[in-house]
Amino acid sequence: IERAAIAISKKHFPKMEHLGAITKIDGSQIEPVHVVTFGSPCQDLSVAGRGKGLDGERSGLFREAVRIIREMRVATDRVYPRFALWENVPGAFSSNAGQDFRAVLEELAEAEDPMPQSGKWATAGMVELRDRRIFWRVLDAQYWGVPQRRKRIFLVTDFGNKCVPEILFKPESV
């Protein structure tokens, strides 16, 4: 719904369909897709941000994306989407004493996930369940041509054939 973001995406992805406000989208009513990518606003999760975590007005939009994914999966008999990719700041690991990242994992897993014994989340890891696997890794944008250090969490939920390790953890030289 942000005009500048829409203009940029239309330039780079002219066939992209803009559906409007995320709070008004019904995942069961939109065309099924193989991959849902989303990055909830980071202001409430960032170390330099407001500190409200996933309960903040902006970062709480994460739950709207998960709702849409669940609606689509129910409507397609759990066929679509095959993958969900969430991107955010590493502050999500420590926001609300790590409970926000735990909530991210639990929402995507649709299951409880305990905090690590250390009380701190690793910068890479996985959760394996019967019907899905969730992997995350912190990557730095400087290795993709951005002239600055900009670390981000990339979390991939694989609802199917379990190929995320090949995608997210493929070792390559920097």
Protein backbone atom coordinates (compact mmCIF):
# COMPACT_ATOMS: atom_id res chain seq x y z
CA ILE A 1 0.00 0.00 0.00
CA GLU A 2 3.10 2.24 0.09
CA ARG A 3 3.27 4.16 -3.20
CA ALA A 4 7.07 4.16 -3.44
CA ALA A 5 7.31 0.41 -2.80
CA ILE A 6 4.61 -0.30 -5.38
CA ALA A 7 6.39 1.86 -7.97
CA ILE A 8 9.69 0.05 -7.39
CA SER A 9 8.14 -3.41 -7.56
CA LYS A 10 6.19 -2.52 -10.71
CA LYS A 11 9.43 -1.42 -12.36
CA HIS A 12 11.31 -4.61 -11.47
CA PHE A 13 8.36 -7.04 -11.58
CA PRO A 14 5.86 -5.64 -14.08
CA LYS A 15 3.62 -8.72 -13.94
CA MET A 16 3.39 -8.62 -10.14
CA GLU A 17 -0.11 -8.31 -8.80
CA HIS A 18 -0.63 -5.86 -5.92
CA LEU A 19 -3.39 -7.04 -3.60
CA GLY A 20 -3.58 -4.09 -1.22
CA ALA A 21 -3.42 -4.05 2.56
CA ILE A 22 -2.25 -7.36 4.03
CA THR A 23 -4.92 -7.17 6.72
CA LYS A 24 -7.62 -7.40 4.03
CA ILE A 25 -6.21 -10.33 2.03
CA ASP A 26 -7.88 -13.74 2.35
CA GLY A 27 -5.35 -16.45 1.55
CA SER A 28 -8.10 -18.85 0.50
CA GLN A 29 -9.34 -16.42 -2.17
CA ILE A 30 -6.08 -15.55 -3.94
CA GLU A 31 -4.29 -17.55 -6.60
CA PRO A 32 -2.16 -20.26 -4.95
CA VAL A 33 1.60 -19.75 -5.23
CA HIS A 34 4.62 -21.97 -4.63
CA VAL A 35 6.53 -19.43 -2.53
CA VAL A 36 5.36 -16.72 -0.15
CA THR A 37 8.07 -14.22 0.74
CA PHE A 38 7.61 -11.59 3.39
CA GLY A 39 9.57 -9.34 5.67
CA SER A 40 7.49 -7.86 8.41
CA PRO A 41 8.52 -4.30 9.29
CA CYS A 42 11.51 -4.40 11.61
CA GLN A 43 11.04 -1.22 13.67
CA ASP A 44 9.68 -3.12 16.67
CA LEU A 45 12.27 -5.93 16.45
CA SER A 46 15.39 -3.88 15.75
CA VAL A 47 17.91 -3.29 18.53
CA ALA A 48 17.72 0.41 17.59
CA GLY A 49 13.93 0.29 17.32
CA ARG A 50 10.95 0.71 19.57
CA GLY A 51 11.31 -2.57 21.47
CA LYS A 52 7.67 -3.66 21.23
CA GLY A 53 8.57 -6.84 19.35
CA LEU A 54 5.92 -8.83 17.54
CA ASP A 55 3.28 -7.10 19.63
CA GLY A 56 4.20 -3.80 17.98
CA GLU A 57 1.87 -2.30 15.41
CA ARG A 58 4.27 -2.78 12.50
CA SER A 59 6.18 -5.98 13.27
CA GLY A 60 2.91 -7.61 14.26
CA LEU A 61 2.10 -7.75 10.54
CA PHE A 62 4.18 -10.94 10.61
CA ARG A 63 1.12 -12.72 11.98
CA GLU A 64 -1.00 -11.46 9.06
CA ALA A 65 1.39 -13.09 6.57
CA VAL A 66 1.27 -16.36 8.52
CA ARG A 67 -2.54 -16.18 8.54
CA ILE A 68 -2.57 -15.83 4.74
CA ILE A 69 -0.20 -18.80 4.38
CA ARG A 70 -2.44 -20.95 6.61
CA GLU A 71 -5.57 -19.92 4.70
CA MET A 72 -3.94 -20.82 1.39
CA ARG A 73 -2.73 -24.17 2.72
CA VAL A 74 -6.20 -25.08 3.97
CA ALA A 75 -7.84 -23.99 0.68
CA THR A 76 -5.39 -26.07 -1.40
CA ASP A 77 -5.45 -29.17 0.80
CA ARG A 78 -1.98 -28.24 2.10
CA VAL A 79 -0.35 -28.19 -1.36
CA TYR A 80 0.42 -24.45 -1.56
CA PRO A 81 2.59 -22.66 -0.74
CA ARG A 82 5.51 -25.09 -0.78
CA PHE A 83 7.85 -22.57 0.83
CA ALA A 84 7.58 -19.51 3.03
CA LEU A 85 10.55 -17.13 3.28
CA TRP A 86 10.72 -14.54 6.06
CA GLU A 87 13.44 -11.89 6.24
CA ASN A 88 14.18 -9.61 9.18
CA VAL A 89 16.83 -8.02 11.37
CA PRO A 90 18.98 -10.06 13.79
CA GLY A 91 17.39 -8.03 16.60
CA ALA A 92 14.51 -10.53 16.29
CA PHE A 93 16.74 -13.06 18.08
CA SER A 94 16.92 -10.92 21.21
CA SER A 95 13.66 -8.96 21.08
CA ASN A 96 11.61 -9.62 24.23
CA ALA A 97 14.43 -11.78 25.63
CA GLY A 98 14.32 -14.07 22.56
CA GLN A 99 10.61 -14.79 22.89
CA ASP A 100 9.78 -13.00 19.62
CA PHE A 101 11.95 -15.33 17.54
CA ARG A 102 10.49 -18.26 19.44
CA ALA A 103 7.03 -16.94 18.49
CA VAL A 104 8.10 -16.72 14.83
CA LEU A 105 9.16 -20.37 14.89
CA GLU A 106 6.01 -21.48 16.72
CA GLU A 107 3.70 -19.60 14.34
CA LEU A 108 5.34 -21.13 11.28
CA ALA A 109 5.69 -24.58 12.86
CA GLU A 110 2.18 -24.55 14.31
CA ALA A 111 3.83 -26.23 17.31
CA GLU A 112 5.66 -25.27 20.48
CA ASP A 113 9.39 -24.71 20.26
CA PRO A 114 11.48 -24.40 23.42
CA MET A 115 14.04 -21.69 24.01
CA PRO A 116 17.64 -22.87 23.72
CA GLN A 117 19.17 -23.75 27.10
CA SER A 118 21.60 -20.87 26.67
CA GLY A 119 18.68 -18.45 26.34
CA LYS A 120 20.14 -17.20 23.05
CA TRP A 121 19.29 -18.14 19.48
CA ALA A 122 22.08 -19.29 17.16
CA THR A 123 22.62 -17.35 13.93
CA ALA A 124 21.79 -20.54 12.02
CA GLY A 125 19.57 -23.44 12.91
CA MET A 126 16.59 -25.62 12.14
CA VAL A 127 13.39 -27.07 13.50
CA GLU A 128 12.23 -30.38 12.05
CA LEU A 129 8.62 -31.52 12.27
CA ARG A 130 6.61 -34.29 10.67
CA ASP A 131 5.19 -32.12 7.86
CA ARG A 132 7.70 -29.27 7.56
CA ARG A 133 11.18 -28.09 8.30
CA ILE A 134 12.21 -24.57 9.24
CA PHE A 135 15.73 -23.31 8.67
CA TRP A 136 17.26 -19.93 9.41
CA ARG A 137 20.57 -18.28 8.78
CA VAL A 138 21.97 -14.78 9.13
CA LEU A 139 23.42 -13.47 5.88
CA ASP A 140 25.15 -10.16 5.16
CA ALA A 141 24.04 -8.09 2.16
CA GLN A 142 27.61 -6.94 1.51
CA TYR A 143 28.17 -10.27 -0.26
CA TRP A 144 25.42 -9.49 -2.80
CA GLY A 145 26.78 -6.21 -4.10
CA VAL A 146 25.44 -3.81 -1.46
CA PRO A 147 28.23 -1.43 -0.38
CA GLN A 148 27.48 -1.81 3.33
CA ARG A 149 27.22 -4.42 6.06
CA ARG A 150 23.57 -5.22 6.47
CA LYS A 151 22.92 -8.48 8.29
CA ARG A 152 19.52 -10.12 8.00
CA ILE A 153 17.86 -13.30 9.19
CA PHE A 154 16.59 -15.45 6.33
CA LEU A 155 14.15 -18.09 7.55
CA VAL A 156 12.71 -20.66 5.16
CA THR A 157 9.82 -22.98 5.96
CA ASP A 158 9.75 -26.03 3.70
CA PHE A 159 6.31 -27.64 3.67
CA GLY A 160 7.34 -30.49 1.40
CA ASN A 161 10.33 -32.29 0.00
CA LYS A 162 12.91 -30.99 2.46
CA CYS A 163 15.37 -29.28 0.12
CA VAL A 164 15.99 -26.10 2.16
CA PRO A 165 19.45 -27.16 3.38
CA GLU A 166 20.56 -27.22 -0.25
CA ILE A 167 19.22 -23.69 -0.71
CA LEU A 168 20.10 -21.93 2.54
CA PHE A 169 23.22 -23.79 3.66
CA LYS A 170 25.01 -24.51 0.39
CA PRO A 171 28.63 -23.63 1.15
CA GLU A 172 30.15 -21.18 -1.28
CA SER A 173 33.17 -18.97 -1.07
CA VAL A 174 32.45 -15.34 -0.28
